[in-house]
Amino acid sequence: PQFLLEADLLKNLKHPGIPTIYDVEEDNENYYIIEEY
């Protein structure tokens, strides 16, 4: 379950050296973490 911890960790972090998390989506088979490129 720690694979999904990334979104939980990043969603509240604000630092120029850390990518911004924009959203988390899912379908029947996968989770999708959408973040700054």
Full PDB file with SEQRES, HELIX, SHEET, SSBOND, CRYST1, ORIGX, SCALE, CONECT and MASTER records, all heavy atoms in Angstrom:
SEQRES   1 A   37  PRO GLN PHE LEU LEU GLU ALA ASP LEU LEU LYS ASN LEU          
SEQRES   2 A   37  LYS HIS PRO GLY ILE PRO THR ILE TYR ASP VAL GLU GLU          
SEQRES   3 A   37  ASP ASN GLU ASN TYR TYR ILE ILE GLU GLU TYR                  
HELIX    1 AA1 GLN A    2  LEU A    4  5                                   3    
HELIX    2 AA2 LEU A    5  LEU A   10  1                                   6    
SHEET    1 AA1 2 ILE A  21  GLU A  26  0                                        
SHEET    2 AA1 2 TYR A  31  GLU A  35 -1                                        
CRYST1    1.000    1.000    1.000  90.00  90.00  90.00 P 1           1          
ORIGX1      1.000000  0.000000  0.000000        0.00000                         
ORIGX2      0.000000  1.000000  0.000000        0.00000                         
ORIGX3      0.000000  0.000000  1.000000        0.00000                         
SCALE1      1.000000  0.000000  0.000000        0.00000                         
SCALE2      0.000000  1.000000  0.000000        0.00000                         
SCALE3      0.000000  0.000000  1.000000        0.00000                         
ATOM      1  N   PRO A   1       0.793  -1.233   0.000  1.00  0.00           N  
ATOM      2  CA  PRO A   1       0.000   0.000   0.000  1.00  0.00           C  
ATOM      3  C   PRO A   1       0.820   1.276   0.000  1.00  0.00           C  
ATOM      4  O   PRO A   1       0.290   2.346  -0.291  1.00  0.00           O  
ATOM      5  CB  PRO A   1      -0.833  -0.126   1.287  1.00  0.00           C  
ATOM      6  CG  PRO A   1      -0.085  -1.116   2.136  1.00  0.00           C  
ATOM      7  CD  PRO A   1       0.549  -2.069   1.190  1.00  0.00           C  
ATOM      8  N   GLN A   2       2.121   1.195   0.302  1.00  0.00           N  
ATOM      9  CA  GLN A   2       2.935   2.408   0.322  1.00  0.00           C  
ATOM     10  C   GLN A   2       3.088   3.038  -1.059  1.00  0.00           C  
ATOM     11  O   GLN A   2       3.484   4.194  -1.188  1.00  0.00           O  
ATOM     12  CB  GLN A   2       4.329   2.133   0.921  1.00  0.00           C  
ATOM     13  CG  GLN A   2       5.224   1.253   0.107  1.00  0.00           C  
ATOM     14  CD  GLN A   2       5.000  -0.222   0.372  1.00  0.00           C  
ATOM     15  OE1 GLN A   2       4.103  -0.594   1.133  1.00  0.00           O  
ATOM     16  NE2 GLN A   2       5.803  -1.062  -0.255  1.00  0.00           N  
ATOM     17  N   PHE A   3       2.750   2.279  -2.145  1.00  0.00           N  
ATOM     18  CA  PHE A   3       2.851   2.850  -3.483  1.00  0.00           C  
ATOM     19  C   PHE A   3       1.946   4.072  -3.647  1.00  0.00           C  
ATOM     20  O   PHE A   3       2.246   4.979  -4.411  1.00  0.00           O  
ATOM     21  CB  PHE A   3       2.494   1.809  -4.544  1.00  0.00           C  
ATOM     22  CG  PHE A   3       3.597   0.817  -4.808  1.00  0.00           C  
ATOM     23  CD1 PHE A   3       3.317  -0.465  -5.260  1.00  0.00           C  
ATOM     24  CD2 PHE A   3       4.919   1.170  -4.615  1.00  0.00           C  
ATOM     25  CE1 PHE A   3       4.338  -1.372  -5.516  1.00  0.00           C  
ATOM     26  CE2 PHE A   3       5.941   0.275  -4.863  1.00  0.00           C  
ATOM     27  CZ  PHE A   3       5.652  -1.004  -5.314  1.00  0.00           C  
ATOM     28  N   LEU A   4       0.817   4.073  -2.926  1.00  0.00           N  
ATOM     29  CA  LEU A   4      -0.102   5.204  -3.026  1.00  0.00           C  
ATOM     30  C   LEU A   4       0.238   6.307  -2.033  1.00  0.00           C  
ATOM     31  O   LEU A   4      -0.376   7.362  -2.052  1.00  0.00           O  
ATOM     32  CB  LEU A   4      -1.544   4.742  -2.792  1.00  0.00           C  
ATOM     33  CG  LEU A   4      -2.387   4.457  -4.030  1.00  0.00           C  
ATOM     34  CD1 LEU A   4      -3.821   4.187  -3.636  1.00  0.00           C  
ATOM     35  CD2 LEU A   4      -2.332   5.622  -5.007  1.00  0.00           C  
ATOM     36  N   LEU A   5       1.201   6.037  -1.169  1.00  0.00           N  
ATOM     37  CA  LEU A   5       1.573   7.030  -0.171  1.00  0.00           C  
ATOM     38  C   LEU A   5       2.167   8.276  -0.814  1.00  0.00           C  
ATOM     39  O   LEU A   5       2.115   9.365  -0.252  1.00  0.00           O  
ATOM     40  CB  LEU A   5       2.572   6.415   0.818  1.00  0.00           C  
ATOM     41  CG  LEU A   5       2.994   7.245   2.038  1.00  0.00           C  
ATOM     42  CD1 LEU A   5       1.782   7.584   2.882  1.00  0.00           C  
ATOM     43  CD2 LEU A   5       4.025   6.488   2.855  1.00  0.00           C  
ATOM     44  N   GLU A   6       2.733   8.142  -2.003  1.00  0.00           N  
ATOM     45  CA  GLU A   6       3.365   9.268  -2.690  1.00  0.00           C  
ATOM     46  C   GLU A   6       2.409  10.443  -2.833  1.00  0.00           C  
ATOM     47  O   GLU A   6       2.763  11.590  -2.518  1.00  0.00           O  
ATOM     48  CB  GLU A   6       3.859   8.836  -4.069  1.00  0.00           C  
ATOM     49  CG  GLU A   6       4.486   9.965  -4.873  1.00  0.00           C  
ATOM     50  CD  GLU A   6       5.034   9.494  -6.208  1.00  0.00           C  
ATOM     51  OE1 GLU A   6       4.857   8.327  -6.568  1.00  0.00           O  
ATOM     52  OE2 GLU A   6       5.662  10.331  -6.893  1.00  0.00           O  
ATOM     53  N   ALA A   7       1.191  10.186  -3.298  1.00  0.00           N  
ATOM     54  CA  ALA A   7       0.217  11.270  -3.473  1.00  0.00           C  
ATOM     55  C   ALA A   7      -0.149  11.897  -2.144  1.00  0.00           C  
ATOM     56  O   ALA A   7      -0.273  13.118  -2.031  1.00  0.00           O  
ATOM     57  CB  ALA A   7      -1.030  10.731  -4.160  1.00  0.00           C  
ATOM     58  N   ASP A   8      -0.296  11.068  -1.120  1.00  0.00           N  
ATOM     59  CA  ASP A   8      -0.644  11.587   0.203  1.00  0.00           C  
ATOM     60  C   ASP A   8       0.470  12.457   0.763  1.00  0.00           C  
ATOM     61  O   ASP A   8       0.222  13.489   1.396  1.00  0.00           O  
ATOM     62  CB  ASP A   8      -0.930  10.414   1.139  1.00  0.00           C  
ATOM     63  CG  ASP A   8      -1.382  10.873   2.522  1.00  0.00           C  
ATOM     64  OD1 ASP A   8      -2.382  11.620   2.588  1.00  0.00           O  
ATOM     65  OD2 ASP A   8      -0.728  10.513   3.524  1.00  0.00           O  
ATOM     66  N   LEU A   9       1.704  12.037   0.509  1.00  0.00           N  
ATOM     67  CA  LEU A   9       2.858  12.809   0.987  1.00  0.00           C  
ATOM     68  C   LEU A   9       2.961  14.162   0.283  1.00  0.00           C  
ATOM     69  O   LEU A   9       3.184  15.200   0.902  1.00  0.00           O  
ATOM     70  CB  LEU A   9       4.145  12.025   0.750  1.00  0.00           C  
ATOM     71  CG  LEU A   9       4.474  10.869   1.684  1.00  0.00           C  
ATOM     72  CD1 LEU A   9       5.672  10.097   1.138  1.00  0.00           C  
ATOM     73  CD2 LEU A   9       4.775  11.369   3.082  1.00  0.00           C  
ATOM     74  N   LEU A  10       2.826  14.140  -1.031  1.00  0.00           N  
ATOM     75  CA  LEU A  10       3.114  15.332  -1.829  1.00  0.00           C  
ATOM     76  C   LEU A  10       1.991  16.358  -1.855  1.00  0.00           C  
ATOM     77  O   LEU A  10       2.239  17.526  -2.146  1.00  0.00           O  
ATOM     78  CB  LEU A  10       3.439  14.918  -3.272  1.00  0.00           C  
ATOM     79  CG  LEU A  10       4.742  14.142  -3.492  1.00  0.00           C  
ATOM     80  CD1 LEU A  10       4.882  13.747  -4.946  1.00  0.00           C  
ATOM     81  CD2 LEU A  10       5.941  14.951  -3.051  1.00  0.00           C  
ATOM     82  N   LYS A  11       0.759  15.939  -1.568  1.00  0.00           N  
ATOM     83  CA  LYS A  11      -0.374  16.837  -1.792  1.00  0.00           C  
ATOM     84  C   LYS A  11      -0.311  18.111  -0.958  1.00  0.00           C  
ATOM     85  O   LYS A  11      -0.822  19.157  -1.369  1.00  0.00           O  
ATOM     86  CB  LYS A  11      -1.685  16.102  -1.525  1.00  0.00           C  
ATOM     87  CG  LYS A  11      -1.892  15.693  -0.060  1.00  0.00           C  
ATOM     88  CD  LYS A  11      -3.188  14.912   0.102  1.00  0.00           C  
ATOM     89  CE  LYS A  11      -3.397  14.522   1.573  1.00  0.00           C  
ATOM     90  NZ  LYS A  11      -4.634  13.719   1.735  1.00  0.00           N  
ATOM     91  N   ASN A  12       0.355  18.049   0.202  1.00  0.00           N  
ATOM     92  CA  ASN A  12       0.422  19.235   1.073  1.00  0.00           C  
ATOM     93  C   ASN A  12       1.806  19.885   1.098  1.00  0.00           C  
ATOM     94  O   ASN A  12       2.029  20.819   1.872  1.00  0.00           O  
ATOM     95  CB  ASN A  12       0.018  18.852   2.500  1.00  0.00           C  
ATOM     96  CG  ASN A  12      -1.429  18.406   2.577  1.00  0.00           C  
ATOM     97  OD1 ASN A  12      -2.300  19.007   1.946  1.00  0.00           O  
ATOM     98  ND2 ASN A  12      -1.681  17.343   3.318  1.00  0.00           N  
ATOM     99  N   LEU A  13       2.720  19.395   0.273  1.00  0.00           N  
ATOM    100  CA  LEU A  13       4.074  19.944   0.276  1.00  0.00           C  
ATOM    101  C   LEU A  13       4.203  21.072  -0.743  1.00  0.00           C  
ATOM    102  O   LEU A  13       3.737  20.946  -1.875  1.00  0.00           O  
ATOM    103  CB  LEU A  13       5.098  18.850  -0.033  1.00  0.00           C  
ATOM    104  CG  LEU A  13       5.155  17.681   0.941  1.00  0.00           C  
ATOM    105  CD1 LEU A  13       6.221  16.678   0.498  1.00  0.00           C  
ATOM    106  CD2 LEU A  13       5.431  18.150   2.364  1.00  0.00           C  
ATOM    107  N   LYS A  14       4.823  22.161  -0.348  1.00  0.00           N  
ATOM    108  CA  LYS A  14       5.035  23.312  -1.223  1.00  0.00           C  
ATOM    109  C   LYS A  14       6.500  23.722  -1.149  1.00  0.00           C  
ATOM    110  O   LYS A  14       6.939  24.352  -0.178  1.00  0.00           O  
ATOM    111  CB  LYS A  14       4.149  24.488  -0.809  1.00  0.00           C  
ATOM    112  CG  LYS A  14       2.654  24.183  -0.809  1.00  0.00           C  
ATOM    113  CD  LYS A  14       2.132  23.905  -2.211  1.00  0.00           C  
ATOM    114  CE  LYS A  14       0.637  23.601  -2.200  1.00  0.00           C  
ATOM    115  NZ  LYS A  14       0.141  23.213  -3.542  1.00  0.00           N  
ATOM    116  N   HIS A  15       7.251  23.316  -2.147  1.00  0.00           N  
ATOM    117  CA  HIS A  15       8.687  23.631  -2.188  1.00  0.00           C  
ATOM    118  C   HIS A  15       9.116  23.634  -3.644  1.00  0.00           C  
ATOM    119  O   HIS A  15       8.694  22.756  -4.409  1.00  0.00           O  
ATOM    120  CB  HIS A  15       9.484  22.593  -1.388  1.00  0.00           C  
ATOM    121  CG  HIS A  15      10.927  22.941  -1.205  1.00  0.00           C  
ATOM    122  ND1 HIS A  15      11.865  22.812  -2.217  1.00  0.00           N  
ATOM    123  CD2 HIS A  15      11.598  23.431  -0.128  1.00  0.00           C  
ATOM    124  CE1 HIS A  15      13.045  23.199  -1.772  1.00  0.00           C  
ATOM    125  NE2 HIS A  15      12.924  23.572  -0.506  1.00  0.00           N  
ATOM    126  N   PRO A  16       9.939  24.599  -4.070  1.00  0.00           N  
ATOM    127  CA  PRO A  16      10.364  24.643  -5.487  1.00  0.00           C  
ATOM    128  C   PRO A  16      11.141  23.422  -5.934  1.00  0.00           C  
ATOM    129  O   PRO A  16      11.270  23.177  -7.136  1.00  0.00           O  
ATOM    130  CB  PRO A  16      11.220  25.916  -5.557  1.00  0.00           C  
ATOM    131  CG  PRO A  16      11.609  26.222  -4.149  1.00  0.00           C  
ATOM    132  CD  PRO A  16      10.478  25.737  -3.300  1.00  0.00           C  
ATOM    133  N   GLY A  17      11.658  22.644  -4.987  1.00  0.00           N  
ATOM    134  CA  GLY A  17      12.408  21.450  -5.348  1.00  0.00           C  
ATOM    135  C   GLY A  17      11.590  20.177  -5.304  1.00  0.00           C  
ATOM    136  O   GLY A  17      12.142  19.075  -5.368  1.00  0.00           O  
ATOM    137  N   ILE A  18      10.251  20.311  -5.187  1.00  0.00           N  
ATOM    138  CA  ILE A  18       9.357  19.148  -5.111  1.00  0.00           C  
ATOM    139  C   ILE A  18       8.232  19.320  -6.129  1.00  0.00           C  
ATOM    140  O   ILE A  18       7.596  20.380  -6.170  1.00  0.00           O  
ATOM    141  CB  ILE A  18       8.770  18.992  -3.694  1.00  0.00           C  
ATOM    142  CG1 ILE A  18       9.894  18.743  -2.688  1.00  0.00           C  
ATOM    143  CG2 ILE A  18       7.753  17.848  -3.644  1.00  0.00           C  
ATOM    144  CD1 ILE A  18       9.431  18.718  -1.240  1.00  0.00           C  
ATOM    145  N   PRO A  19       7.941  18.324  -6.954  1.00  0.00           N  
ATOM    146  CA  PRO A  19       6.858  18.454  -7.938  1.00  0.00           C  
ATOM    147  C   PRO A  19       5.501  18.660  -7.260  1.00  0.00           C  
ATOM    148  O   PRO A  19       5.242  18.132  -6.175  1.00  0.00           O  
ATOM    149  CB  PRO A  19       6.890  17.111  -8.689  1.00  0.00           C  
ATOM    150  CG  PRO A  19       8.226  16.524  -8.392  1.00  0.00           C  
ATOM    151  CD  PRO A  19       8.613  17.016  -7.041  1.00  0.00           C  
ATOM    152  N   THR A  20       4.639  19.399  -7.932  1.00  0.00           N  
ATOM    153  CA  THR A  20       3.289  19.645  -7.434  1.00  0.00           C  
ATOM    154  C   THR A  20       2.349  18.523  -7.866  1.00  0.00           C  
ATOM    155  O   THR A  20       2.372  18.097  -9.013  1.00  0.00           O  
ATOM    156  CB  THR A  20       2.757  20.985  -7.986  1.00  0.00           C  
ATOM    157  OG1 THR A  20       3.636  22.035  -7.567  1.00  0.00           O  
ATOM    158  CG2 THR A  20       1.342  21.267  -7.489  1.00  0.00           C  
ATOM    159  N   ILE A  21       1.540  18.028  -6.917  1.00  0.00           N  
ATOM    160  CA  ILE A  21       0.504  17.046  -7.232  1.00  0.00           C  
ATOM    161  C   ILE A  21      -0.779  17.789  -7.603  1.00  0.00           C  
ATOM    162  O   ILE A  21      -1.265  18.627  -6.847  1.00  0.00           O  
ATOM    163  CB  ILE A  21       0.237  16.119  -6.031  1.00  0.00           C  
ATOM    164  CG1 ILE A  21       1.412  15.183  -5.816  1.00  0.00           C  
ATOM    165  CG2 ILE A  21      -1.047  15.317  -6.231  1.00  0.00           C  
ATOM    166  CD1 ILE A  21       1.524  14.069  -6.820  1.00  0.00           C  
ATOM    167  N   TYR A  22      -1.320  17.490  -8.780  1.00  0.00           N  
ATOM    168  CA  TYR A  22      -2.540  18.155  -9.233  1.00  0.00           C  
ATOM    169  C   TYR A  22      -3.799  17.353  -8.943  1.00  0.00           C  
ATOM    170  O   TYR A  22      -4.849  17.916  -8.641  1.00  0.00           O  
ATOM    171  CB  TYR A  22      -2.460  18.439 -10.739  1.00  0.00           C  
ATOM    172  CG  TYR A  22      -1.379  19.413 -11.113  1.00  0.00           C  
ATOM    173  CD1 TYR A  22      -0.252  18.993 -11.815  1.00  0.00           C  
ATOM    174  CD2 TYR A  22      -1.459  20.754 -10.746  1.00  0.00           C  
ATOM    175  CE1 TYR A  22       0.752  19.888 -12.161  1.00  0.00           C  
ATOM    176  CE2 TYR A  22      -0.463  21.653 -11.086  1.00  0.00           C  
ATOM    177  CZ  TYR A  22       0.641  21.210 -11.798  1.00  0.00           C  
ATOM    178  OH  TYR A  22       1.631  22.106 -12.123  1.00  0.00           O  
ATOM    179  N   ASP A  23      -3.700  16.029  -9.026  1.00  0.00           N  
ATOM    180  CA  ASP A  23      -4.914  15.233  -8.871  1.00  0.00           C  
ATOM    181  C   ASP A  23      -4.552  13.760  -8.742  1.00  0.00           C  
ATOM    182  O   ASP A  23      -3.438  13.344  -9.091  1.00  0.00           O  
ATOM    183  CB  ASP A  23      -5.824  15.437 -10.085  1.00  0.00           C  
ATOM    184  CG  ASP A  23      -7.289  15.168  -9.769  1.00  0.00           C  
ATOM    185  OD1 ASP A  23      -7.573  14.728  -8.637  1.00  0.00           O  
ATOM    186  OD2 ASP A  23      -8.129  15.414 -10.644  1.00  0.00           O  
ATOM    187  N   VAL A  24      -5.497  12.968  -8.221  1.00  0.00           N  
ATOM    188  CA  VAL A  24      -5.393  11.512  -8.193  1.00  0.00           C  
ATOM    189  C   VAL A  24      -6.695  10.956  -8.749  1.00  0.00           C  
ATOM    190  O   VAL A  24      -7.780  11.326  -8.298  1.00  0.00           O  
ATOM    191  CB  VAL A  24      -5.153  10.974  -6.772  1.00  0.00           C  
ATOM    192  CG1 VAL A  24      -5.125   9.441  -6.790  1.00  0.00           C  
ATOM    193  CG2 VAL A  24      -3.854  11.503  -6.196  1.00  0.00           C  
ATOM    194  N   GLU A  25      -6.594  10.086  -9.752  1.00  0.00           N  
ATOM    195  CA  GLU A  25      -7.776   9.485 -10.358  1.00  0.00           C  
ATOM    196  C   GLU A  25      -7.629   7.968 -10.329  1.00  0.00           C  
ATOM    197  O   GLU A  25      -6.556   7.438 -10.031  1.00  0.00           O  
ATOM    198  CB  GLU A  25      -7.948   9.977 -11.802  1.00  0.00           C  
ATOM    199  CG  GLU A  25      -8.159  11.476 -11.924  1.00  0.00           C  
ATOM    200  CD  GLU A  25      -8.397  11.915 -13.357  1.00  0.00           C  
ATOM    201  OE1 GLU A  25      -8.508  11.031 -14.245  1.00  0.00           O  
ATOM    202  OE2 GLU A  25      -8.489  13.132 -13.599  1.00  0.00           O  
ATOM    203  N   GLU A  26      -8.719   7.269 -10.634  1.00  0.00           N  
ATOM    204  CA  GLU A  26      -8.661   5.808 -10.669  1.00  0.00           C  
ATOM    205  C   GLU A  26      -9.694   5.260 -11.639  1.00  0.00           C  
ATOM    206  O   GLU A  26     -10.675   5.918 -11.992  1.00  0.00           O  
ATOM    207  CB  GLU A  26      -8.903   5.228  -9.280  1.00  0.00           C  
ATOM    208  CG  GLU A  26     -10.277   5.511  -8.707  1.00  0.00           C  
ATOM    209  CD  GLU A  26     -10.466   4.846  -7.351  1.00  0.00           C  
ATOM    210  OE1 GLU A  26     -10.461   3.589  -7.298  1.00  0.00           O  
ATOM    211  OE2 GLU A  26     -10.611   5.581  -6.365  1.00  0.00           O  
ATOM    212  N   ASP A  27      -9.458   4.036 -12.096  1.00  0.00           N  
ATOM    213  CA  ASP A  27     -10.447   3.275 -12.843  1.00  0.00           C  
ATOM    214  C   ASP A  27     -10.491   1.889 -12.222  1.00  0.00           C  
ATOM    215  O   ASP A  27     -10.029   1.682 -11.088  1.00  0.00           O  
ATOM    216  CB  ASP A  27     -10.132   3.254 -14.340  1.00  0.00           C  
ATOM    217  CG  ASP A  27      -8.745   2.701 -14.650  1.00  0.00           C  
ATOM    218  OD1 ASP A  27      -8.215   1.922 -13.829  1.00  0.00           O  
ATOM    219  OD2 ASP A  27      -8.185   3.039 -15.712  1.00  0.00           O  
ATOM    220  N   ASN A  28     -11.042   0.921 -12.900  1.00  0.00           N  
ATOM    221  CA  ASN A  28     -11.202  -0.403 -12.303  1.00  0.00           C  
ATOM    222  C   ASN A  28      -9.881  -1.107 -12.011  1.00  0.00           C  
ATOM    223  O   ASN A  28      -9.799  -1.941 -11.109  1.00  0.00           O  
ATOM    224  CB  ASN A  28     -12.045  -1.286 -13.229  1.00  0.00           C  
ATOM    225  CG  ASN A  28     -13.481  -0.810 -13.309  1.00  0.00           C  
ATOM    226  OD1 ASN A  28     -13.983  -0.186 -12.373  1.00  0.00           O  
ATOM    227  ND2 ASN A  28     -14.142  -1.099 -14.425  1.00  0.00           N  
ATOM    228  N   GLU A  29      -8.833  -0.769 -12.759  1.00  0.00           N  
ATOM    229  CA  GLU A  29      -7.575  -1.506 -12.643  1.00  0.00           C  
ATOM    230  C   GLU A  29      -6.413  -0.701 -12.075  1.00  0.00           C  
ATOM    231  O   GLU A  29      -5.477  -1.278 -11.510  1.00  0.00           O  
ATOM    232  CB  GLU A  29      -7.157  -2.046 -14.023  1.00  0.00           C  
ATOM    233  CG  GLU A  29      -8.162  -3.018 -14.624  1.00  0.00           C  
ATOM    234  CD  GLU A  29      -7.738  -3.483 -16.003  1.00  0.00           C  
ATOM    235  OE1 GLU A  29      -6.818  -2.846 -16.572  1.00  0.00           O  
ATOM    236  OE2 GLU A  29      -8.294  -4.460 -16.509  1.00  0.00           O  
ATOM    237  N   ASN A  30      -6.441   0.632 -12.214  1.00  0.00           N  
ATOM    238  CA  ASN A  30      -5.265   1.442 -11.873  1.00  0.00           C  
ATOM    239  C   ASN A  30      -5.624   2.699 -11.088  1.00  0.00           C  
ATOM    240  O   ASN A  30      -6.745   3.202 -11.157  1.00  0.00           O  
ATOM    241  CB  ASN A  30      -4.532   1.873 -13.154  1.00  0.00           C  
ATOM    242  CG  ASN A  30      -4.112   0.715 -14.018  1.00  0.00           C  
ATOM    243  OD1 ASN A  30      -3.283  -0.093 -13.623  1.00  0.00           O  
ATOM    244  ND2 ASN A  30      -4.703   0.618 -15.204  1.00  0.00           N  
ATOM    245  N   TYR A  31      -4.610   3.183 -10.383  1.00  0.00           N  
ATOM    246  CA  TYR A  31      -4.636   4.543  -9.826  1.00  0.00           C  
ATOM    247  C   TYR A  31      -3.761   5.405 -10.724  1.00  0.00           C  
ATOM    248  O   TYR A  31      -2.786   4.921 -11.318  1.00  0.00           O  
ATOM    249  CB  TYR A  31      -4.072   4.578  -8.403  1.00  0.00           C  
ATOM    250  CG  TYR A  31      -4.943   3.903  -7.370  1.00  0.00           C  
ATOM    251  CD1 TYR A  31      -4.569   2.668  -6.845  1.00  0.00           C  
ATOM    252  CD2 TYR A  31      -6.116   4.505  -6.912  1.00  0.00           C  
ATOM    253  CE1 TYR A  31      -5.349   2.041  -5.884  1.00  0.00           C  
ATOM    254  CE2 TYR A  31      -6.900   3.877  -5.944  1.00  0.00           C  
ATOM    255  CZ  TYR A  31      -6.521   2.646  -5.447  1.00  0.00           C  
ATOM    256  OH  TYR A  31      -7.295   2.034  -4.496  1.00  0.00           O  
ATOM    257  N   TYR A  32      -4.085   6.701 -10.809  1.00  0.00           N  
ATOM    258  CA  TYR A  32      -3.306   7.634 -11.622  1.00  0.00           C  
ATOM    259  C   TYR A  32      -2.964   8.869 -10.784  1.00  0.00           C  
ATOM    260  O   TYR A  32      -3.866   9.557 -10.292  1.00  0.00           O  
ATOM    261  CB  TYR A  32      -4.094   8.068 -12.866  1.00  0.00           C  
ATOM    262  CG  TYR A  32      -4.500   6.933 -13.753  1.00  0.00           C  
ATOM    263  CD1 TYR A  32      -5.738   6.303 -13.584  1.00  0.00           C  
ATOM    264  CD2 TYR A  32      -3.661   6.462 -14.746  1.00  0.00           C  
ATOM    265  CE1 TYR A  32      -6.120   5.253 -14.388  1.00  0.00           C  
ATOM    266  CE2 TYR A  32      -4.031   5.404 -15.568  1.00  0.00           C  
ATOM    267  CZ  TYR A  32      -5.262   4.799 -15.380  1.00  0.00           C  
ATOM    268  OH  TYR A  32      -5.647   3.747 -16.173  1.00  0.00           O  
ATOM    269  N   ILE A  33      -1.671   9.115 -10.625  1.00  0.00           N  
ATOM    270  CA  ILE A  33      -1.218  10.320  -9.914  1.00  0.00           C  
ATOM    271  C   ILE A  33      -0.782  11.335 -10.966  1.00  0.00           C  
ATOM    272  O   ILE A  33       0.149  11.089 -11.736  1.00  0.00           O  
ATOM    273  CB  ILE A  33      -0.043  10.006  -8.962  1.00  0.00           C  
ATOM    274  CG1 ILE A  33      -0.439   8.936  -7.944  1.00  0.00           C  
ATOM    275  CG2 ILE A  33       0.420  11.271  -8.254  1.00  0.00           C  
ATOM    276  CD1 ILE A  33       0.712   8.475  -7.060  1.00  0.00           C  
ATOM    277  N   ILE A  34      -1.467  12.468 -11.003  1.00  0.00           N  
ATOM    278  CA  ILE A  34      -1.151  13.508 -11.993  1.00  0.00           C  
ATOM    279  C   ILE A  34      -0.327  14.581 -11.298  1.00  0.00           C  
ATOM    280  O   ILE A  34      -0.788  15.192 -10.324  1.00  0.00           O  
ATOM    281  CB  ILE A  34      -2.432  14.125 -12.600  1.00  0.00           C  
ATOM    282  CG1 ILE A  34      -3.211  13.070 -13.394  1.00  0.00           C  
ATOM    283  CG2 ILE A  34      -2.066  15.266 -13.537  1.00  0.00           C  
ATOM    284  CD1 ILE A  34      -4.316  12.421 -12.639  1.00  0.00           C  
ATOM    285  N   GLU A  35       0.869  14.795 -11.762  1.00  0.00           N  
ATOM    286  CA  GLU A  35       1.753  15.761 -11.109  1.00  0.00           C  
ATOM    287  C   GLU A  35       2.484  16.626 -12.130  1.00  0.00           C  
ATOM    288  O   GLU A  35       2.412  16.402 -13.340  1.00  0.00           O  
ATOM    289  CB  GLU A  35       2.753  15.047 -10.208  1.00  0.00           C  
ATOM    290  CG  GLU A  35       3.688  14.089 -10.905  1.00  0.00           C  
ATOM    291  CD  GLU A  35       4.602  13.371  -9.917  1.00  0.00           C  
ATOM    292  OE1 GLU A  35       4.095  12.584  -9.093  1.00  0.00           O  
ATOM    293  OE2 GLU A  35       5.821  13.608  -9.992  1.00  0.00           O  
ATOM    294  N   GLU A  36       3.162  17.630 -11.600  1.00  0.00           N  
ATOM    295  CA  GLU A  36       3.940  18.571 -12.423  1.00  0.00           C  
ATOM    296  C   GLU A  36       4.979  17.799 -13.243  1.00  0.00           C  
ATOM    297  O   GLU A  36       5.672  16.924 -12.724  1.00  0.00           O  
ATOM    298  CB  GLU A  36       4.628  19.574 -11.501  1.00  0.00           C  
ATOM    299  CG  GLU A  36       5.521  20.580 -12.183  1.00  0.00           C  
ATOM    300  CD  GLU A  36       6.268  21.451 -11.184  1.00  0.00           C  
ATOM    301  OE1 GLU A  36       6.137  21.229  -9.958  1.00  0.00           O  
ATOM    302  OE2 GLU A  36       6.988  22.359 -11.633  1.00  0.00           O  
ATOM    303  N   TYR A  37       5.096  18.156 -14.512  1.00  0.00           N  
ATOM    304  CA  TYR A  37       6.126  17.549 -15.358  1.00  0.00           C  
ATOM    305  C   TYR A  37       7.408  18.348 -15.217  1.00  0.00           C  
ATOM    306  O   TYR A  37       7.446  19.542 -15.504  1.00  0.00           O  
ATOM    307  CB  TYR A  37       5.672  17.512 -16.820  1.00  0.00           C  
ATOM    308  CG  TYR A  37       6.762  17.095 -17.782  1.00  0.00           C  
ATOM    309  CD1 TYR A  37       7.435  15.890 -17.630  1.00  0.00           C  
ATOM    310  CD2 TYR A  37       7.119  17.925 -18.850  1.00  0.00           C  
ATOM    311  CE1 TYR A  37       8.429  15.503 -18.500  1.00  0.00           C  
ATOM    312  CE2 TYR A  37       8.116  17.540 -19.738  1.00  0.00           C  
ATOM    313  CZ  TYR A  37       8.765  16.332 -19.563  1.00  0.00           C  
ATOM    314  OH  TYR A  37       9.766  15.961 -20.425  1.00  0.00           O  
TER     315      TYR A  37                                                      
MASTER        0    0    0    2    2    0    0    6  314    1    0    3          
END                                                                             
